[in-house]
Amino acid sequence: METVAVGSGNVVKVRAVEKAWVLKASARVEGFSVESGVSRQPVGVSEILRGALNRAREALRVSGYDYGVGVEAGLLPFPSSSGYIDVQVAVILGPGGRVSLGLSPGFELPRTWVGEILLGGKELEEVAIRSLGVDRIGEKIGVIGRLTMGAVTRTDLTYQAVVMALLPWINPEIYGPPARVEELERRIQSQVF
């Protein structure tokens, strides 16, 4: 049985990783509260990716498990009416320093929220709690769950991001070995995607 450390104490993320990992192997999945090393509200590919990688690395370090999984949500510039979409990035760090990535579907945020986040220095969850009136929304159905009336939840987005990151691990005959973490770090530093 594999051991999988999730770089978050949020039960939503841990459950989503448990659900996704079934595609690869039976596993004991446990969450660990670790720091992302990025701002509370990451913006842009580099920052979101760096946060997910830091969470995976720290979860692996504190646990000594086989795999570390980091999931980081953030805002990506996008030619939508608000100029941004919210996505989750999953990073799986495994044996031999191998790493893989996955993304969730993205959704557009209301313009007023983007303004409060970017200009007011607020976090999406903080703005959503005030606007939607749901305390601790990130530990429940998430912003997307409330906006879609439950049709798509935060668990769904996290699950989909982790499944996408699992593809090289569950299809090694097609993908070959996952990339080395040093290669990912180099790309993040140079912003070559």
N, C-alpha and C. Protein backbone atom coordinates (compact mmCIF):
# COMPACT_ATOMS: atom_id res chain seq x y z
N MET A 1 0.85 -1.18 0.00
CA MET A 1 0.00 0.00 0.00
C MET A 1 0.89 1.24 0.00
N GLU A 2 0.58 2.18 -0.90
CA GLU A 2 1.34 3.42 -0.99
C GLU A 2 0.92 4.38 0.11
N THR A 3 1.82 5.29 0.45
CA THR A 3 1.49 6.34 1.41
C THR A 3 1.58 7.68 0.67
N VAL A 4 0.56 8.50 0.88
CA VAL A 4 0.43 9.76 0.16
C VAL A 4 0.19 10.88 1.16
N ALA A 5 1.07 11.85 1.17
CA ALA A 5 0.95 13.01 2.05
C ALA A 5 0.42 14.19 1.25
N VAL A 6 -0.69 14.75 1.71
CA VAL A 6 -1.29 15.91 1.06
C VAL A 6 -0.83 17.15 1.82
N GLY A 7 -0.35 18.14 1.11
CA GLY A 7 0.16 19.36 1.73
C GLY A 7 -0.92 20.32 2.14
N SER A 8 -1.87 19.82 2.94
CA SER A 8 -2.97 20.64 3.44
C SER A 8 -3.69 19.88 4.54
N GLY A 9 -4.19 20.61 5.51
CA GLY A 9 -5.04 20.00 6.52
C GLY A 9 -6.51 20.08 6.15
N ASN A 10 -6.82 20.67 4.99
CA ASN A 10 -8.20 20.83 4.55
C ASN A 10 -8.77 19.47 4.13
N VAL A 11 -9.81 19.05 4.81
CA VAL A 11 -10.40 17.73 4.55
C VAL A 11 -10.93 17.59 3.12
N VAL A 12 -11.33 18.70 2.51
CA VAL A 12 -11.81 18.66 1.12
C VAL A 12 -10.69 18.18 0.20
N LYS A 13 -9.50 18.74 0.38
CA LYS A 13 -8.38 18.34 -0.47
C LYS A 13 -7.97 16.89 -0.20
N VAL A 14 -7.94 16.50 1.06
CA VAL A 14 -7.53 15.14 1.40
C VAL A 14 -8.51 14.13 0.81
N ARG A 15 -9.79 14.38 0.94
CA ARG A 15 -10.80 13.46 0.37
C ARG A 15 -10.69 13.36 -1.15
N ALA A 16 -10.43 14.49 -1.79
CA ALA A 16 -10.30 14.50 -3.25
C ALA A 16 -9.09 13.67 -3.68
N VAL A 17 -7.98 13.80 -2.96
CA VAL A 17 -6.79 13.01 -3.30
C VAL A 17 -7.06 11.52 -3.06
N GLU A 18 -7.72 11.19 -1.97
CA GLU A 18 -8.08 9.78 -1.71
C GLU A 18 -8.91 9.21 -2.86
N LYS A 19 -9.89 9.97 -3.28
CA LYS A 19 -10.77 9.53 -4.37
C LYS A 19 -9.99 9.34 -5.67
N ALA A 20 -9.07 10.27 -5.98
CA ALA A 20 -8.31 10.19 -7.22
C ALA A 20 -7.28 9.05 -7.17
N TRP A 21 -6.65 8.84 -6.03
CA TRP A 21 -5.53 7.88 -5.95
C TRP A 21 -5.98 6.45 -6.22
N VAL A 22 -7.25 6.18 -6.09
CA VAL A 22 -7.79 4.85 -6.40
C VAL A 22 -7.43 4.44 -7.83
N LEU A 23 -7.28 5.41 -8.71
CA LEU A 23 -6.91 5.11 -10.10
C LEU A 23 -5.51 4.53 -10.21
N LYS A 24 -4.66 4.82 -9.23
CA LYS A 24 -3.27 4.38 -9.27
C LYS A 24 -3.04 3.13 -8.42
N ALA A 25 -3.44 3.18 -7.17
CA ALA A 25 -3.15 2.08 -6.25
C ALA A 25 -3.94 2.29 -4.96
N SER A 26 -3.95 1.27 -4.12
CA SER A 26 -4.52 1.48 -2.80
C SER A 26 -3.49 2.26 -2.00
N ALA A 27 -3.98 3.17 -1.18
CA ALA A 27 -3.06 4.07 -0.49
C ALA A 27 -3.65 4.55 0.83
N ARG A 28 -2.74 4.88 1.71
CA ARG A 28 -3.12 5.61 2.92
C ARG A 28 -2.82 7.07 2.61
N VAL A 29 -3.84 7.90 2.67
CA VAL A 29 -3.72 9.31 2.34
C VAL A 29 -3.94 10.12 3.61
N GLU A 30 -3.02 11.03 3.89
CA GLU A 30 -3.12 11.83 5.10
C GLU A 30 -2.75 13.27 4.78
N GLY A 31 -3.46 14.20 5.41
CA GLY A 31 -3.18 15.61 5.21
C GLY A 31 -2.21 16.15 6.25
N PHE A 32 -1.36 17.07 5.83
CA PHE A 32 -0.40 17.72 6.71
C PHE A 32 -0.48 19.22 6.47
N SER A 33 -0.69 19.99 7.53
CA SER A 33 -0.75 21.44 7.39
C SER A 33 0.66 21.97 7.17
N VAL A 34 0.91 22.45 5.98
CA VAL A 34 2.21 23.00 5.62
C VAL A 34 1.99 24.36 4.95
N GLU A 35 3.04 25.13 4.89
CA GLU A 35 2.99 26.45 4.25
C GLU A 35 3.23 26.30 2.74
N SER A 36 2.56 27.17 1.98
CA SER A 36 2.74 27.15 0.53
C SER A 36 3.98 27.94 0.10
N GLY A 37 4.40 28.89 0.92
CA GLY A 37 5.55 29.71 0.56
C GLY A 37 5.24 30.78 -0.48
N VAL A 38 3.96 30.96 -0.79
CA VAL A 38 3.55 32.01 -1.73
C VAL A 38 2.50 32.87 -1.03
N SER A 39 2.03 33.90 -1.70
CA SER A 39 1.03 34.79 -1.10
C SER A 39 -0.26 34.03 -0.80
N ARG A 40 -1.07 34.61 0.08
CA ARG A 40 -2.35 33.97 0.44
C ARG A 40 -3.24 33.81 -0.78
N GLN A 41 -3.11 34.71 -1.73
CA GLN A 41 -3.89 34.63 -2.97
C GLN A 41 -2.94 34.64 -4.15
N PRO A 42 -2.48 33.45 -4.57
CA PRO A 42 -1.55 33.40 -5.70
C PRO A 42 -2.19 33.89 -7.00
N VAL A 43 -1.38 34.58 -7.79
CA VAL A 43 -1.83 35.08 -9.09
C VAL A 43 -0.75 34.72 -10.11
N GLY A 44 -1.16 34.12 -11.20
CA GLY A 44 -0.25 33.76 -12.28
C GLY A 44 0.26 32.33 -12.17
N VAL A 45 0.64 31.79 -13.31
CA VAL A 45 1.07 30.39 -13.39
C VAL A 45 2.23 30.10 -12.45
N SER A 46 3.25 30.94 -12.48
CA SER A 46 4.45 30.67 -11.68
C SER A 46 4.14 30.59 -10.20
N GLU A 47 3.38 31.55 -9.69
CA GLU A 47 3.11 31.57 -8.26
C GLU A 47 2.21 30.41 -7.83
N ILE A 48 1.20 30.11 -8.62
CA ILE A 48 0.31 28.99 -8.28
C ILE A 48 1.09 27.68 -8.31
N LEU A 49 1.87 27.49 -9.35
CA LEU A 49 2.67 26.27 -9.50
C LEU A 49 3.69 26.14 -8.37
N ARG A 50 4.35 27.24 -8.04
CA ARG A 50 5.34 27.22 -6.96
C ARG A 50 4.67 26.85 -5.63
N GLY A 51 3.48 27.39 -5.38
CA GLY A 51 2.75 27.05 -4.15
C GLY A 51 2.39 25.57 -4.08
N ALA A 52 1.93 25.02 -5.19
CA ALA A 52 1.58 23.59 -5.21
C ALA A 52 2.82 22.72 -5.01
N LEU A 53 3.92 23.08 -5.68
CA LEU A 53 5.16 22.32 -5.53
C LEU A 53 5.68 22.41 -4.10
N ASN A 54 5.66 23.60 -3.51
CA ASN A 54 6.10 23.74 -2.12
C ASN A 54 5.27 22.90 -1.18
N ARG A 55 3.97 22.85 -1.40
CA ARG A 55 3.09 22.05 -0.54
C ARG A 55 3.42 20.56 -0.68
N ALA A 56 3.63 20.10 -1.92
CA ALA A 56 3.97 18.69 -2.14
C ALA A 56 5.30 18.35 -1.49
N ARG A 57 6.28 19.21 -1.69
CA ARG A 57 7.62 18.98 -1.14
C ARG A 57 7.59 18.95 0.39
N GLU A 58 6.92 19.90 1.00
CA GLU A 58 6.86 19.97 2.46
C GLU A 58 6.09 18.80 3.05
N ALA A 59 4.99 18.41 2.40
CA ALA A 59 4.22 17.25 2.88
C ALA A 59 5.08 16.00 2.85
N LEU A 60 5.84 15.84 1.79
CA LEU A 60 6.74 14.69 1.66
C LEU A 60 7.83 14.74 2.73
N ARG A 61 8.37 15.91 2.95
CA ARG A 61 9.45 16.07 3.93
C ARG A 61 8.99 15.75 5.36
N VAL A 62 7.84 16.29 5.76
CA VAL A 62 7.39 16.08 7.15
C VAL A 62 6.85 14.69 7.39
N SER A 63 6.40 14.03 6.33
CA SER A 63 5.78 12.71 6.50
C SER A 63 6.71 11.55 6.25
N GLY A 64 7.64 11.71 5.30
CA GLY A 64 8.47 10.59 4.89
C GLY A 64 7.69 9.57 4.06
N TYR A 65 6.55 9.97 3.52
CA TYR A 65 5.69 9.07 2.75
C TYR A 65 6.27 8.85 1.35
N ASP A 66 5.60 8.00 0.58
CA ASP A 66 6.03 7.69 -0.78
C ASP A 66 5.82 8.87 -1.74
N TYR A 67 4.70 9.56 -1.59
CA TYR A 67 4.31 10.64 -2.50
C TYR A 67 3.87 11.86 -1.70
N GLY A 68 4.14 13.03 -2.25
CA GLY A 68 3.62 14.28 -1.71
C GLY A 68 2.73 14.90 -2.76
N VAL A 69 1.58 15.40 -2.34
CA VAL A 69 0.65 16.05 -3.25
C VAL A 69 0.38 17.46 -2.74
N GLY A 70 0.57 18.42 -3.62
CA GLY A 70 0.24 19.80 -3.31
C GLY A 70 -0.82 20.29 -4.26
N VAL A 71 -1.81 20.96 -3.72
CA VAL A 71 -2.86 21.57 -4.55
C VAL A 71 -2.95 23.04 -4.16
N GLU A 72 -2.83 23.89 -5.13
CA GLU A 72 -2.89 25.34 -4.89
C GLU A 72 -3.88 25.96 -5.87
N ALA A 73 -4.80 26.74 -5.34
CA ALA A 73 -5.74 27.47 -6.18
C ALA A 73 -5.23 28.89 -6.37
N GLY A 74 -5.55 29.47 -7.50
CA GLY A 74 -5.12 30.84 -7.74
C GLY A 74 -5.77 31.42 -8.98
N LEU A 75 -5.42 32.64 -9.25
CA LEU A 75 -6.00 33.37 -10.37
C LEU A 75 -5.03 33.40 -11.55
N LEU A 76 -5.57 33.06 -12.71
CA LEU A 76 -4.79 33.12 -13.95
C LEU A 76 -5.33 34.24 -14.83
N PRO A 77 -4.44 35.09 -15.33
CA PRO A 77 -4.91 36.07 -16.31
C PRO A 77 -5.54 35.33 -17.50
N PHE A 78 -6.66 35.83 -17.94
CA PHE A 78 -7.41 35.15 -19.00
C PHE A 78 -8.28 36.18 -19.69
N PRO A 79 -8.48 36.06 -21.00
CA PRO A 79 -9.26 37.08 -21.71
C PRO A 79 -10.77 36.94 -21.47
N SER A 80 -11.15 36.90 -20.21
CA SER A 80 -12.57 36.87 -19.84
C SER A 80 -12.98 38.29 -19.48
N SER A 81 -14.24 38.50 -19.18
CA SER A 81 -14.69 39.86 -18.88
C SER A 81 -14.06 40.41 -17.60
N SER A 82 -13.73 39.54 -16.64
CA SER A 82 -13.07 40.01 -15.42
C SER A 82 -11.55 40.02 -15.57
N GLY A 83 -11.04 39.34 -16.60
CA GLY A 83 -9.61 39.28 -16.83
C GLY A 83 -8.90 38.13 -16.13
N TYR A 84 -9.65 37.33 -15.34
CA TYR A 84 -9.04 36.23 -14.59
C TYR A 84 -9.99 35.05 -14.46
N ILE A 85 -9.39 33.87 -14.38
CA ILE A 85 -10.14 32.67 -14.01
C ILE A 85 -9.46 32.06 -12.79
N ASP A 86 -10.23 31.33 -12.02
CA ASP A 86 -9.72 30.63 -10.86
C ASP A 86 -9.47 29.17 -11.26
N VAL A 87 -8.29 28.66 -10.96
CA VAL A 87 -7.95 27.26 -11.25
C VAL A 87 -7.23 26.66 -10.05
N GLN A 88 -7.20 25.34 -10.03
CA GLN A 88 -6.40 24.63 -9.05
C GLN A 88 -5.31 23.87 -9.80
N VAL A 89 -4.11 23.94 -9.26
CA VAL A 89 -2.98 23.21 -9.82
C VAL A 89 -2.59 22.13 -8.82
N ALA A 90 -2.45 20.90 -9.30
CA ALA A 90 -2.00 19.79 -8.47
C ALA A 90 -0.60 19.39 -8.90
N VAL A 91 0.27 19.17 -7.93
CA VAL A 91 1.62 18.68 -8.16
C VAL A 91 1.79 17.41 -7.35
N ILE A 92 2.26 16.37 -8.02
CA ILE A 92 2.59 15.10 -7.34
C ILE A 92 4.09 14.93 -7.40
N LEU A 93 4.70 14.79 -6.24
CA LEU A 93 6.13 14.57 -6.12
C LEU A 93 6.33 13.16 -5.59
N GLY A 94 7.04 12.34 -6.36
CA GLY A 94 7.17 10.94 -6.02
C GLY A 94 8.59 10.45 -5.91
N PRO A 95 8.74 9.14 -5.87
CA PRO A 95 10.06 8.53 -5.73
C PRO A 95 11.03 9.01 -6.81
N GLY A 96 12.28 9.16 -6.41
CA GLY A 96 13.32 9.57 -7.35
C GLY A 96 13.23 11.02 -7.77
N GLY A 97 12.47 11.83 -7.03
CA GLY A 97 12.36 13.25 -7.39
C GLY A 97 11.55 13.47 -8.66
N ARG A 98 10.68 12.54 -8.98
CA ARG A 98 9.83 12.68 -10.17
C ARG A 98 8.60 13.49 -9.83
N VAL A 99 8.13 14.27 -10.79
CA VAL A 99 7.03 15.19 -10.53
C VAL A 99 6.08 15.22 -11.73
N SER A 100 4.80 15.43 -11.42
CA SER A 100 3.80 15.59 -12.48
C SER A 100 2.81 16.67 -12.06
N LEU A 101 2.11 17.21 -13.05
CA LEU A 101 1.22 18.35 -12.83
C LEU A 101 -0.16 18.08 -13.41
N GLY A 102 -1.14 18.74 -12.83
CA GLY A 102 -2.49 18.69 -13.37
C GLY A 102 -3.24 19.96 -13.03
N LEU A 103 -4.23 20.27 -13.85
CA LEU A 103 -5.06 21.46 -13.65
C LEU A 103 -6.52 21.07 -13.54
N SER A 104 -7.26 21.85 -12.79
CA SER A 104 -8.71 21.71 -12.74
C SER A 104 -9.31 22.54 -13.86
N PRO A 105 -10.59 22.37 -14.11
CA PRO A 105 -11.26 23.35 -14.96
C PRO A 105 -11.18 24.73 -14.28
N GLY A 106 -11.21 25.76 -15.06
CA GLY A 106 -11.17 27.11 -14.51
C GLY A 106 -12.53 27.77 -14.65
N PHE A 107 -12.77 28.74 -13.76
CA PHE A 107 -14.03 29.47 -13.86
C PHE A 107 -13.77 30.96 -13.66
N GLU A 108 -14.55 31.75 -14.36
CA GLU A 108 -14.40 33.21 -14.29
C GLU A 108 -14.93 33.72 -12.95
N LEU A 109 -14.25 34.72 -12.43
CA LEU A 109 -14.68 35.36 -11.20
C LEU A 109 -15.42 36.66 -11.53
N PRO A 110 -16.34 37.07 -10.65
CA PRO A 110 -16.98 38.37 -10.87
C PRO A 110 -15.96 39.51 -10.86
N ARG A 111 -16.17 40.49 -11.72
CA ARG A 111 -15.25 41.63 -11.82
C ARG A 111 -15.01 42.32 -10.48
N THR A 112 -16.07 42.51 -9.73
CA THR A 112 -15.92 43.20 -8.45
C THR A 112 -15.04 42.40 -7.49
N TRP A 113 -15.13 41.09 -7.54
CA TRP A 113 -14.28 40.26 -6.67
C TRP A 113 -12.82 40.40 -7.08
N VAL A 114 -12.57 40.37 -8.38
CA VAL A 114 -11.19 40.49 -8.86
C VAL A 114 -10.59 41.81 -8.40
N GLY A 115 -11.37 42.88 -8.48
CA GLY A 115 -10.89 44.18 -8.01
C GLY A 115 -10.54 44.15 -6.53
N GLU A 116 -11.39 43.56 -5.71
CA GLU A 116 -11.11 43.47 -4.27
C GLU A 116 -9.87 42.63 -3.99
N ILE A 117 -9.68 41.59 -4.77
CA ILE A 117 -8.54 40.70 -4.58
C ILE A 117 -7.24 41.39 -5.00
N LEU A 118 -7.22 41.90 -6.21
CA LEU A 118 -5.99 42.47 -6.76
C LEU A 118 -5.66 43.85 -6.19
N LEU A 119 -6.66 44.68 -6.03
CA LEU A 119 -6.42 46.04 -5.55
C LEU A 119 -6.51 46.14 -4.03
N GLY A 120 -7.37 45.31 -3.45
CA GLY A 120 -7.57 45.38 -1.99
C GLY A 120 -6.74 44.41 -1.20
N GLY A 121 -5.98 43.56 -1.91
CA GLY A 121 -5.11 42.61 -1.21
C GLY A 121 -5.86 41.53 -0.44
N LYS A 122 -7.05 41.20 -0.88
CA LYS A 122 -7.84 40.19 -0.18
C LYS A 122 -7.72 38.84 -0.86
N GLU A 123 -8.06 37.80 -0.13
CA GLU A 123 -8.05 36.43 -0.63
C GLU A 123 -9.44 36.12 -1.17
N LEU A 124 -9.51 35.29 -2.21
CA LEU A 124 -10.80 34.93 -2.81
C LEU A 124 -11.78 34.44 -1.76
N GLU A 125 -11.34 33.56 -0.88
CA GLU A 125 -12.27 33.01 0.12
C GLU A 125 -12.85 34.13 1.00
N GLU A 126 -12.03 35.08 1.37
CA GLU A 126 -12.48 36.20 2.19
C GLU A 126 -13.56 37.01 1.47
N VAL A 127 -13.34 37.30 0.21
CA VAL A 127 -14.30 38.06 -0.59
C VAL A 127 -15.59 37.24 -0.78
N ALA A 128 -15.44 35.95 -1.04
CA ALA A 128 -16.60 35.09 -1.26
C ALA A 128 -17.44 34.93 0.00
N ILE A 129 -16.79 34.79 1.14
CA ILE A 129 -17.53 34.66 2.40
C ILE A 129 -18.39 35.91 2.63
N ARG A 130 -17.80 37.07 2.43
CA ARG A 130 -18.55 38.32 2.60
C ARG A 130 -19.68 38.44 1.58
N SER A 131 -19.38 38.11 0.32
CA SER A 131 -20.38 38.27 -0.75
C SER A 131 -21.48 37.22 -0.70
N LEU A 132 -21.11 35.99 -0.39
CA LEU A 132 -22.06 34.88 -0.45
C LEU A 132 -22.66 34.51 0.90
N GLY A 133 -22.04 34.97 1.98
CA GLY A 133 -22.57 34.69 3.31
C GLY A 133 -22.41 33.26 3.77
N VAL A 134 -21.35 32.57 3.32
CA VAL A 134 -21.10 31.18 3.73
C VAL A 134 -19.75 31.13 4.45
N ASP A 135 -19.78 30.95 5.76
CA ASP A 135 -18.54 30.85 6.53
C ASP A 135 -17.76 29.60 6.15
N ARG A 136 -16.43 29.73 6.17
CA ARG A 136 -15.52 28.61 5.90
C ARG A 136 -15.89 27.88 4.61
N ILE A 137 -16.21 28.64 3.60
CA ILE A 137 -16.67 28.09 2.33
C ILE A 137 -15.64 27.16 1.70
N GLY A 138 -14.36 27.44 1.91
CA GLY A 138 -13.29 26.61 1.34
C GLY A 138 -13.20 25.23 1.95
N GLU A 139 -13.81 25.03 3.10
CA GLU A 139 -13.82 23.72 3.74
C GLU A 139 -15.14 23.00 3.51
N LYS A 140 -15.97 23.60 2.68
CA LYS A 140 -17.28 23.01 2.36
C LYS A 140 -17.33 22.77 0.85
N ILE A 141 -18.35 23.30 0.20
CA ILE A 141 -18.48 23.07 -1.25
C ILE A 141 -17.62 24.01 -2.08
N GLY A 142 -17.04 25.01 -1.43
CA GLY A 142 -16.18 25.95 -2.13
C GLY A 142 -16.97 27.02 -2.85
N VAL A 143 -16.24 28.00 -3.33
CA VAL A 143 -16.85 29.10 -4.09
C VAL A 143 -17.58 28.54 -5.30
N ILE A 144 -16.92 27.63 -6.01
CA ILE A 144 -17.54 27.06 -7.21
C ILE A 144 -18.83 26.31 -6.88
N GLY A 145 -18.86 25.64 -5.74
CA GLY A 145 -20.06 24.93 -5.32
C GLY A 145 -21.23 25.87 -5.10
N ARG A 146 -20.94 26.99 -4.50
CA ARG A 146 -22.00 27.98 -4.26
C ARG A 146 -22.43 28.63 -5.57
N LEU A 147 -21.46 28.96 -6.43
CA LEU A 147 -21.80 29.62 -7.70
C LEU A 147 -22.57 28.70 -8.64
N THR A 148 -22.31 27.39 -8.57
CA THR A 148 -23.00 26.43 -9.46
C THR A 148 -24.19 25.76 -8.77
N MET A 149 -24.55 26.25 -7.61
CA MET A 149 -25.66 25.67 -6.83
C MET A 149 -25.42 24.19 -6.56
N GLY A 150 -24.16 23.84 -6.33
CA GLY A 150 -23.81 22.47 -5.97
C GLY A 150 -23.53 21.55 -7.14
N ALA A 151 -23.68 22.03 -8.36
CA ALA A 151 -23.44 21.16 -9.51
C ALA A 151 -21.97 20.75 -9.62
N VAL A 152 -21.06 21.65 -9.26
CA VAL A 152 -19.62 21.38 -9.25
C VAL A 152 -19.11 21.92 -7.92
N THR A 153 -18.36 21.11 -7.18
CA THR A 153 -17.86 21.53 -5.88
C THR A 153 -16.34 21.67 -5.89
N ARG A 154 -15.83 22.20 -4.80
CA ARG A 154 -14.37 22.32 -4.67
C ARG A 154 -13.73 20.94 -4.68
N THR A 155 -14.40 19.96 -4.09
CA THR A 155 -13.89 18.59 -4.12
C THR A 155 -13.75 18.12 -5.56
N ASP A 156 -14.75 18.42 -6.39
CA ASP A 156 -14.70 18.03 -7.81
C ASP A 156 -13.49 18.64 -8.51
N LEU A 157 -13.26 19.93 -8.31
CA LEU A 157 -12.14 20.60 -8.97
C LEU A 157 -10.80 20.02 -8.50
N THR A 158 -10.67 19.79 -7.20
CA THR A 158 -9.43 19.22 -6.66
C THR A 158 -9.23 17.81 -7.19
N TYR A 159 -10.27 17.02 -7.19
CA TYR A 159 -10.21 15.65 -7.72
C TYR A 159 -9.73 15.67 -9.17
N GLN A 160 -10.32 16.53 -9.99
CA GLN A 160 -9.96 16.58 -11.41
C GLN A 160 -8.51 17.00 -11.61
N ALA A 161 -8.04 17.97 -10.83
CA ALA A 161 -6.64 18.39 -10.94
C ALA A 161 -5.71 17.25 -10.57
N VAL A 162 -6.03 16.52 -9.50
CA VAL A 162 -5.17 15.41 -9.07
C VAL A 162 -5.21 14.27 -10.08
N VAL A 163 -6.36 13.96 -10.63
CA VAL A 163 -6.45 12.92 -11.66
C VAL A 163 -5.57 13.29 -12.85
N MET A 164 -5.61 14.54 -13.27
CA MET A 164 -4.78 14.97 -14.40
C MET A 164 -3.29 14.82 -14.06
N ALA A 165 -2.92 15.12 -12.82
CA ALA A 165 -1.52 14.97 -12.41
C ALA A 165 -1.11 13.51 -12.30
N LEU A 166 -2.06 12.63 -12.09
CA LEU A 166 -1.76 11.20 -11.98
C LEU A 166 -1.50 10.52 -13.32
N LEU A 167 -1.88 11.15 -14.42
CA LEU A 167 -1.79 10.49 -15.73
C LEU A 167 -0.43 9.86 -16.02
N PRO A 168 0.70 10.54 -15.83
CA PRO A 168 1.99 9.89 -16.11
C PRO A 168 2.27 8.69 -15.20
N TRP A 169 1.74 8.73 -13.98
CA TRP A 169 1.99 7.65 -13.03
C TRP A 169 1.15 6.41 -13.35
N ILE A 170 -0.04 6.62 -13.91
CA ILE A 170 -0.91 5.47 -14.21
C ILE A 170 -0.80 5.00 -15.66
N ASN A 171 -0.05 5.75 -16.47
CA ASN A 171 0.18 5.39 -17.88
C ASN A 171 1.66 5.47 -18.22
N PRO A 172 2.53 4.78 -17.47
CA PRO A 172 3.97 4.92 -17.72
C PRO A 172 4.40 4.42 -19.09
N GLU A 173 3.65 3.48 -19.66
CA GLU A 173 4.01 2.96 -20.98
C GLU A 173 3.79 4.00 -22.08
N ILE A 174 2.96 4.99 -21.82
CA ILE A 174 2.70 6.05 -22.78
C ILE A 174 3.57 7.28 -22.49
N TYR A 175 3.64 7.65 -21.22
CA TYR A 175 4.34 8.87 -20.83
C TYR A 175 5.83 8.69 -20.58
N GLY A 176 6.25 7.49 -20.23
CA GLY A 176 7.61 7.32 -19.75
C GLY A 176 7.68 7.85 -18.33
N PRO A 177 8.88 7.97 -17.77
CA PRO A 177 8.96 8.44 -16.39
C PRO A 177 8.56 9.92 -16.29
N PRO A 178 7.88 10.28 -15.19
CA PRO A 178 7.55 11.70 -15.00
C PRO A 178 8.83 12.54 -14.97
N ALA A 179 8.67 13.82 -15.21
CA ALA A 179 9.80 14.75 -15.23
C ALA A 179 10.50 14.78 -13.87
N ARG A 180 11.73 15.26 -13.86
CA ARG A 180 12.45 15.44 -12.60
C ARG A 180 12.08 16.80 -12.02
N VAL A 181 12.02 16.88 -10.72
CA VAL A 181 11.61 18.11 -10.05
C VAL A 181 12.53 19.27 -10.39
N GLU A 182 13.80 19.01 -10.60
CA GLU A 182 14.74 20.08 -10.96
C GLU A 182 14.35 20.74 -12.28
N GLU A 183 13.84 19.96 -13.21
CA GLU A 183 13.40 20.51 -14.49
C GLU A 183 12.21 21.44 -14.28
N LEU A 184 11.28 21.03 -13.45
CA LEU A 184 10.12 21.88 -13.16
C LEU A 184 10.57 23.18 -12.48
N GLU A 185 11.46 23.06 -11.52
CA GLU A 185 11.94 24.25 -10.82
C GLU A 185 12.64 25.22 -11.79
N ARG A 186 13.40 24.69 -12.70
CA ARG A 186 14.08 25.52 -13.71
C ARG A 186 13.05 26.26 -14.56
N ARG A 187 12.02 25.56 -14.95
CA ARG A 187 10.99 26.19 -15.78
C ARG A 187 10.23 27.27 -15.01
N ILE A 188 9.97 27.01 -13.74
CA ILE A 188 9.28 28.03 -12.92
C ILE A 188 10.16 29.26 -12.80
N GLN A 189 11.45 29.06 -12.52
CA GLN A 189 12.39 30.18 -12.37
C GLN A 189 12.49 31.01 -13.65
N SER A 190 12.57 30.33 -14.77
CA SER A 190 12.74 31.05 -16.04
C SER A 190 11.40 31.40 -16.69
N GLN A 191 10.32 30.95 -16.07
CA GLN A 191 8.97 31.16 -16.59
C GLN A 191 8.82 30.65 -18.00
N VAL A 192 9.41 29.48 -18.26
CA VAL A 192 9.26 28.82 -19.55
C VAL A 192 8.24 27.71 -19.39
N PHE A 193 7.09 27.89 -20.01
CA PHE A 193 6.02 26.89 -19.86
C PHE A 193 5.64 26.32 -21.20
